[in-house]
Amino acid sequence: MTSLSPAEGEPPAYLRKREPSERGDQTYPPLPEALVVPVYDNHTHLEVADGDDPIDYHEHLDRASAVGVRGVVQVGTDLETSRWSAEQAAREPRMLAAVAIHPNDAPSYDEAGGLDDALAEIAELASWPRVRAVGETGLDFYRTESEAGIAAQYRSFEAHIAIAKENGIALQIHDRDAHREVVETLRRVGAPERTVFHCFSGDAEFAALCAENGWYMSFAGNVTFKNAGALREALDVAPRSLIMVETDAPYLTPTPFRGRPNAPYLIPHTLRAMAAHLGTDVSMLAAQISSNTELVYGRWDDDPVQAS
């Protein structure tokens, strides 16, 4: 496979840029008070440049380290970002990678006749030592409605499940407007031992179902939103041993900075809101979440390959 690695410190040539927002302040928020007990960001997209003052992934990770976020899972959504994620994780000790074709992208690959080749490359990337998850994959019926597109999503999802099981690594699920269908697929083909619902979006009933199956639930900044009562009810139901925390940066910035760019260093806001809702000590919750995350992905301190 041809390497697309940028020179050290340089962003990839295909760095994604979000469309500028017309809403308010688009600068990054200030650093929060550091956590006493560190945690990990279970899901982030550091290849996406955002805001009026975009920063590179080194700065993102430095800021995260300064506030007690000791590492991130950098998540690919197509071949380019999956390659980049795997390559940066191979040399960055604070980063592990997840690789996949996003369910919303699977129909485009399929229409172009390239889905099978794309899945074969994802399978190759999944064998890399610091690629610890296949994701984000799943089903998304919010943006895909055609029969052909939905069929491509199912085919891609089932292939990703197989890749995760073949490599003995975790599965990160993207699930939008498809709770029932995702669960039916996992039961039909068999879920990997470590299955994570990224940016958990279910209610208390769905959280109980995940708990029955031993599936992890990763809560993002939207759990802090005023209108997210159902998510907080799900958090009440989720066993502490199955909870993780994430940013999904640059999206879903937690209160009190909703609408501004998100980043791994803002995890403390989400974690503290979760602890306050649960009526538990922040450090105790952080210790549990850190342990859960390492159980799913392994340790971050394996020696990465240094860039030449």
Protein backbone atom coordinates (compact mmCIF):
# COMPACT_ATOMS: atom_id res chain seq x y z
CA MET A 1 0.00 0.00 0.00
CA THR A 2 1.36 3.44 -0.85
CA SER A 3 1.95 5.54 2.25
CA LEU A 4 0.14 8.84 2.47
CA SER A 5 1.97 9.92 5.62
CA PRO A 6 2.71 13.65 5.74
CA ALA A 7 6.03 14.93 6.95
CA GLU A 8 6.24 15.07 10.72
CA GLY A 9 4.05 17.87 12.04
CA GLU A 10 2.32 18.57 8.75
CA PRO A 11 -1.40 17.94 8.20
CA PRO A 12 -2.45 15.44 5.53
CA ALA A 13 -2.99 16.89 2.08
CA TYR A 14 -6.64 15.94 2.23
CA LEU A 15 -7.26 17.50 5.67
CA ARG A 16 -10.98 17.85 6.01
CA LYS A 17 -12.41 21.30 6.63
CA ARG A 18 -15.89 21.76 7.99
CA GLU A 19 -18.07 24.36 6.39
CA PRO A 20 -17.85 27.57 8.41
CA SER A 21 -20.62 28.02 10.90
CA GLU A 22 -22.82 31.09 10.87
CA ARG A 23 -23.47 30.71 14.59
CA GLY A 24 -21.45 32.76 17.01
CA ASP A 25 -17.95 32.21 18.32
CA GLN A 26 -15.94 29.67 16.34
CA THR A 27 -12.72 29.79 18.35
CA TYR A 28 -11.61 26.89 20.53
CA PRO A 29 -12.73 27.16 24.17
CA PRO A 30 -10.20 27.64 26.98
CA LEU A 31 -8.62 24.67 28.72
CA PRO A 32 -10.74 23.28 31.56
CA GLU A 33 -9.41 22.41 34.99
CA ALA A 34 -7.28 19.29 34.70
CA LEU A 35 -8.62 15.93 35.85
CA VAL A 36 -6.91 14.35 38.84
CA VAL A 37 -7.42 10.86 37.41
CA PRO A 38 -6.82 10.75 33.64
CA VAL A 39 -9.14 9.27 31.00
CA TYR A 40 -9.11 8.58 27.26
CA ASP A 41 -11.14 10.04 24.40
CA ASN A 42 -12.82 6.95 22.95
CA HIS A 43 -13.62 8.54 19.56
CA THR A 44 -12.27 11.61 17.79
CA HIS A 45 -11.55 12.91 14.29
CA LEU A 46 -8.34 14.92 14.45
CA GLU A 47 -8.04 15.02 10.67
CA VAL A 48 -10.90 17.52 10.57
CA ALA A 49 -9.84 21.17 10.72
CA ASP A 50 -12.41 23.32 12.45
CA GLY A 51 -13.13 26.77 13.75
CA ASP A 52 -11.56 30.13 13.11
CA ASP A 53 -8.21 28.97 14.49
CA PRO A 54 -7.72 25.32 13.41
CA ILE A 55 -4.92 23.44 15.15
CA ASP A 56 -2.97 20.35 14.12
CA TYR A 57 -3.23 17.01 15.85
CA HIS A 58 -0.01 17.54 17.83
CA GLU A 59 -1.50 20.63 19.47
CA HIS A 60 -4.76 18.77 20.10
CA LEU A 61 -2.87 16.01 21.88
CA ASP A 62 -0.69 18.43 23.84
CA ARG A 63 -3.76 20.27 25.11
CA ALA A 64 -5.42 16.97 25.99
CA SER A 65 -2.38 15.79 27.93
CA ALA A 66 -2.35 19.06 29.88
CA VAL A 67 -5.86 18.43 31.29
CA GLY A 68 -5.67 14.70 32.03
CA VAL A 69 -6.76 13.14 28.74
CA ARG A 70 -3.91 10.69 28.28
CA GLY A 71 -4.81 9.34 24.83
CA VAL A 72 -7.33 9.19 22.01
CA VAL A 73 -8.80 6.72 19.56
CA GLN A 74 -8.46 8.43 16.18
CA VAL A 75 -11.25 7.17 13.92
CA GLY A 76 -11.28 6.80 10.15
CA THR A 77 -14.43 7.08 8.06
CA ASP A 78 -13.11 6.23 4.57
CA LEU A 79 -9.90 4.94 3.00
CA GLU A 80 -7.99 8.22 3.21
CA THR A 81 -8.80 8.97 6.81
CA SER A 82 -8.35 5.34 7.82
CA ARG A 83 -4.88 5.29 6.28
CA TRP A 84 -3.99 8.54 7.99
CA SER A 85 -5.33 7.34 11.33
CA ALA A 86 -3.34 4.10 11.17
CA GLU A 87 -0.17 5.86 10.08
CA GLN A 88 -0.27 8.54 12.77
CA ALA A 89 -1.08 6.01 15.50
CA ALA A 90 1.92 3.95 14.38
CA ARG A 91 4.24 6.76 15.50
CA GLU A 92 2.25 8.73 18.09
CA PRO A 93 2.16 7.17 21.59
CA ARG A 94 -0.95 9.12 22.61
CA MET A 95 -3.01 7.79 19.70
CA LEU A 96 -4.58 4.47 18.76
CA ALA A 97 -6.56 4.05 15.56
CA ALA A 98 -9.88 2.72 14.34
CA VAL A 99 -10.39 2.11 10.61
CA ALA A 100 -13.55 1.67 8.56
CA ILE A 101 -15.82 2.82 5.78
CA HIS A 102 -18.56 4.92 7.36
CA PRO A 103 -22.09 3.62 6.67
CA ASN A 104 -22.95 6.85 4.86
CA ASP A 105 -19.95 6.35 2.56
CA ALA A 106 -20.53 2.66 1.83
CA PRO A 107 -23.21 3.34 -0.84
CA SER A 108 -20.84 5.69 -2.73
CA TYR A 109 -18.07 3.09 -2.76
CA ASP A 110 -20.59 0.49 -3.87
CA GLU A 111 -21.99 2.64 -6.69
CA ALA A 112 -18.44 3.18 -7.97
CA GLY A 113 -17.78 -0.56 -7.88
CA GLY A 114 -15.08 -0.17 -5.25
CA LEU A 115 -16.64 -1.34 -1.99
CA ASP A 116 -15.02 -4.78 -2.01
CA ASP A 117 -11.57 -3.29 -2.69
CA ALA A 118 -12.11 -0.71 0.04
CA LEU A 119 -13.11 -3.39 2.54
CA ALA A 120 -10.02 -5.42 1.60
CA GLU A 121 -7.81 -2.44 2.41
CA ILE A 122 -9.62 -1.87 5.71
CA ALA A 123 -8.92 -5.52 6.53
CA GLU A 124 -5.21 -4.96 5.82
CA LEU A 125 -5.09 -1.82 7.98
CA ALA A 126 -6.88 -3.64 10.79
CA SER A 127 -3.87 -5.94 11.14
CA TRP A 128 -1.56 -3.07 12.12
CA PRO A 129 -0.46 -3.30 15.79
CA ARG A 130 -1.80 0.10 16.89
CA VAL A 131 -5.10 -0.23 15.02
CA ARG A 132 -7.25 -1.46 17.88
CA ALA A 133 -10.77 -1.11 16.49
CA VAL A 134 -12.83 -1.39 13.35
CA GLY A 135 -15.01 1.66 13.14
CA GLU A 136 -16.89 3.66 12.70
CA THR A 137 -19.20 1.23 11.01
CA GLY A 138 -22.86 0.37 11.40
CA LEU A 139 -26.13 1.52 9.92
CA ASP A 140 -27.45 5.03 9.33
CA PHE A 141 -30.91 5.34 7.84
CA TYR A 142 -31.10 9.10 8.49
CA ARG A 143 -29.18 10.00 5.32
CA THR A 144 -29.51 6.76 3.34
CA GLU A 145 -32.99 5.76 2.25
CA SER A 146 -32.63 3.94 -1.10
CA GLU A 147 -32.84 0.14 -1.11
CA ALA A 148 -29.49 -0.12 -2.90
CA GLY A 149 -27.83 2.19 -0.40
CA ILE A 150 -29.23 0.34 2.58
CA ALA A 151 -28.12 -2.97 1.08
CA ALA A 152 -24.60 -1.58 0.70
CA GLN A 153 -24.63 -0.47 4.34
CA TYR A 154 -25.61 -3.94 5.51
CA ARG A 155 -22.93 -5.59 3.37
CA SER A 156 -20.30 -3.18 4.62
CA PHE A 157 -21.38 -3.51 8.28
CA GLU A 158 -21.27 -7.30 8.19
CA ALA A 159 -17.84 -7.24 6.53
CA HIS A 160 -16.53 -4.88 9.20
CA ILE A 161 -17.86 -7.15 11.95
CA ALA A 162 -16.00 -10.06 10.37
CA ILE A 163 -12.78 -8.01 10.12
CA ALA A 164 -12.97 -7.07 13.81
CA LYS A 165 -13.46 -10.70 14.84
CA GLU A 166 -10.71 -11.99 12.56
CA ASN A 167 -8.24 -9.54 14.11
CA GLY A 168 -9.48 -9.86 17.67
CA ILE A 169 -10.05 -6.12 18.01
CA ALA A 170 -12.98 -3.95 19.07
CA LEU A 171 -15.90 -2.79 16.94
CA GLN A 172 -17.03 0.85 17.07
CA ILE A 173 -20.63 1.22 15.94
CA HIS A 174 -22.26 4.25 14.33
CA ASP A 175 -26.01 3.84 14.80
CA ARG A 176 -28.49 6.45 13.65
CA ASP A 177 -32.20 5.76 13.22
CA ALA A 178 -31.32 2.05 13.11
CA HIS A 179 -31.22 0.71 16.67
CA ARG A 180 -33.35 -2.35 15.92
CA GLU A 181 -31.57 -3.20 12.69
CA VAL A 182 -28.10 -2.86 14.25
CA VAL A 183 -29.05 -5.17 17.11
CA GLU A 184 -30.62 -7.70 14.74
CA THR A 185 -27.42 -7.72 12.65
CA LEU A 186 -25.16 -8.18 15.67
CA ARG A 187 -27.30 -11.08 16.90
CA ARG A 188 -27.52 -12.68 13.47
CA VAL A 189 -23.82 -12.64 12.61
CA GLY A 190 -22.40 -12.53 16.13
CA ALA A 191 -21.00 -9.42 17.77
CA PRO A 192 -17.27 -9.12 18.48
CA GLU A 193 -16.30 -9.68 22.10
CA ARG A 194 -15.69 -5.95 22.55
CA THR A 195 -18.46 -3.96 20.88
CA VAL A 196 -18.85 -0.22 21.49
CA PHE A 197 -21.79 2.00 20.61
CA HIS A 198 -20.00 5.24 19.81
CA CYS A 199 -21.84 8.47 20.62
CA PHE A 200 -24.52 6.42 22.35
CA SER A 201 -27.91 7.74 21.25
CA GLY A 202 -30.37 5.30 22.78
CA ASP A 203 -32.79 5.59 25.67
CA ALA A 204 -32.86 3.73 28.97
CA GLU A 205 -34.49 0.68 27.38
CA PHE A 206 -31.77 0.48 24.73
CA ALA A 207 -29.07 0.95 27.38
CA ALA A 208 -30.52 -2.01 29.29
CA LEU A 209 -30.43 -4.11 26.12
CA CYS A 210 -26.77 -3.18 25.52
CA ALA A 211 -25.98 -4.06 29.12
CA GLU A 212 -27.60 -7.49 28.74
CA ASN A 213 -25.29 -8.18 25.81
CA GLY A 214 -22.15 -6.74 27.41
CA TRP A 215 -21.90 -3.95 24.82
CA TYR A 216 -20.11 -0.75 25.79
CA MET A 217 -21.79 2.64 25.66
CA SER A 218 -19.67 5.70 24.89
CA PHE A 219 -21.20 9.04 25.88
CA ALA A 220 -20.30 12.25 24.04
CA GLY A 221 -20.81 15.94 24.75
CA ASN A 222 -24.48 15.80 23.86
CA VAL A 223 -25.17 14.09 27.19
CA THR A 224 -24.63 17.56 28.70
CA PHE A 225 -27.26 19.25 26.52
CA LYS A 226 -30.35 20.58 28.25
CA ASN A 227 -32.70 18.62 25.96
CA ALA A 228 -30.83 15.30 26.39
CA GLY A 229 -32.90 13.90 29.24
CA ALA A 230 -33.28 10.51 27.55
CA LEU A 231 -29.51 10.18 27.23
CA ARG A 232 -29.04 10.92 30.92
CA GLU A 233 -31.71 8.32 31.75
CA ALA A 234 -29.71 5.85 29.67
CA LEU A 235 -26.59 6.82 31.62
CA ASP A 236 -28.46 5.98 34.82
CA VAL A 237 -29.17 2.48 33.51
CA ALA A 238 -25.77 1.73 31.98
CA PRO A 239 -23.51 -0.33 34.27
CA ARG A 240 -20.40 1.66 35.24
CA SER A 241 -18.29 -1.20 33.87
CA LEU A 242 -19.67 -0.57 30.36
CA ILE A 243 -19.36 3.24 30.18
CA MET A 244 -16.84 5.22 28.15
CA VAL A 245 -16.51 8.88 27.22
CA GLU A 246 -15.69 10.56 23.91
CA THR A 247 -15.76 13.84 22.06
CA ASP A 248 -16.60 12.85 18.46
CA ALA A 249 -14.58 16.03 17.86
CA PRO A 250 -14.96 18.42 16.23
CA TYR A 251 -18.66 17.77 16.73
CA LEU A 252 -20.95 17.74 19.80
CA THR A 253 -19.06 20.24 21.95
CA PRO A 254 -20.26 19.92 25.55
CA THR A 255 -22.02 22.58 27.56
CA PRO A 256 -21.10 25.37 28.30
CA PHE A 257 -19.39 25.68 24.89
CA ARG A 258 -22.00 24.10 22.63
CA GLY A 259 -21.65 25.43 19.08
CA ARG A 260 -17.91 26.06 19.28
CA PRO A 261 -15.31 23.59 17.95
CA ASN A 262 -14.83 20.45 20.02
CA ALA A 263 -11.51 18.79 20.89
CA PRO A 264 -10.21 15.99 23.13
CA TYR A 265 -9.09 18.48 25.79
CA LEU A 266 -12.76 19.28 26.47
CA ILE A 267 -13.48 15.75 27.76
CA PRO A 268 -13.33 16.99 31.40
CA HIS A 269 -16.54 18.99 30.87
CA THR A 270 -18.42 15.89 29.73
CA LEU A 271 -16.94 13.67 32.42
CA ARG A 272 -17.76 16.12 35.21
CA ALA A 273 -21.33 16.49 33.94
CA MET A 274 -21.71 12.70 33.88
CA ALA A 275 -20.36 12.39 37.42
CA ALA A 276 -22.64 15.16 38.69
CA HIS A 277 -25.68 13.51 37.14
CA LEU A 278 -24.75 10.12 38.60
CA GLY A 279 -24.00 11.63 41.99
CA THR A 280 -20.53 10.13 42.08
CA ASP A 281 -16.98 11.37 42.54
CA VAL A 282 -15.32 12.58 39.33
CA SER A 283 -12.07 10.74 40.04
CA MET A 284 -13.86 7.48 40.81
CA LEU A 285 -15.80 7.70 37.54
CA ALA A 286 -12.61 8.61 35.65
CA ALA A 287 -10.79 5.59 37.09
CA GLN A 288 -13.62 3.28 36.06
CA ILE A 289 -13.84 4.73 32.54
CA SER A 290 -10.06 4.59 32.09
CA SER A 291 -10.06 0.92 33.12
CA ASN A 292 -12.98 0.15 30.79
CA THR A 293 -11.24 1.84 27.87
CA GLU A 294 -8.01 -0.08 28.36
CA LEU A 295 -9.96 -3.33 28.59
CA VAL A 296 -11.48 -2.59 25.18
CA TYR A 297 -8.41 -1.31 23.31
CA GLY A 298 -5.38 -2.38 25.32
CA ARG A 299 -2.70 0.00 26.52
CA TRP A 300 -1.55 3.11 24.70
CA ASP A 301 2.07 2.86 25.83
CA ASP A 302 3.17 0.14 23.41
CA ASP A 303 6.16 1.61 21.60
CA PRO A 304 5.05 3.17 18.32
CA VAL A 305 7.35 3.07 15.32
CA GLN A 306 9.28 6.33 15.21
CA ALA A 307 9.05 8.29 11.99
CA SER A 308 12.26 8.32 9.95
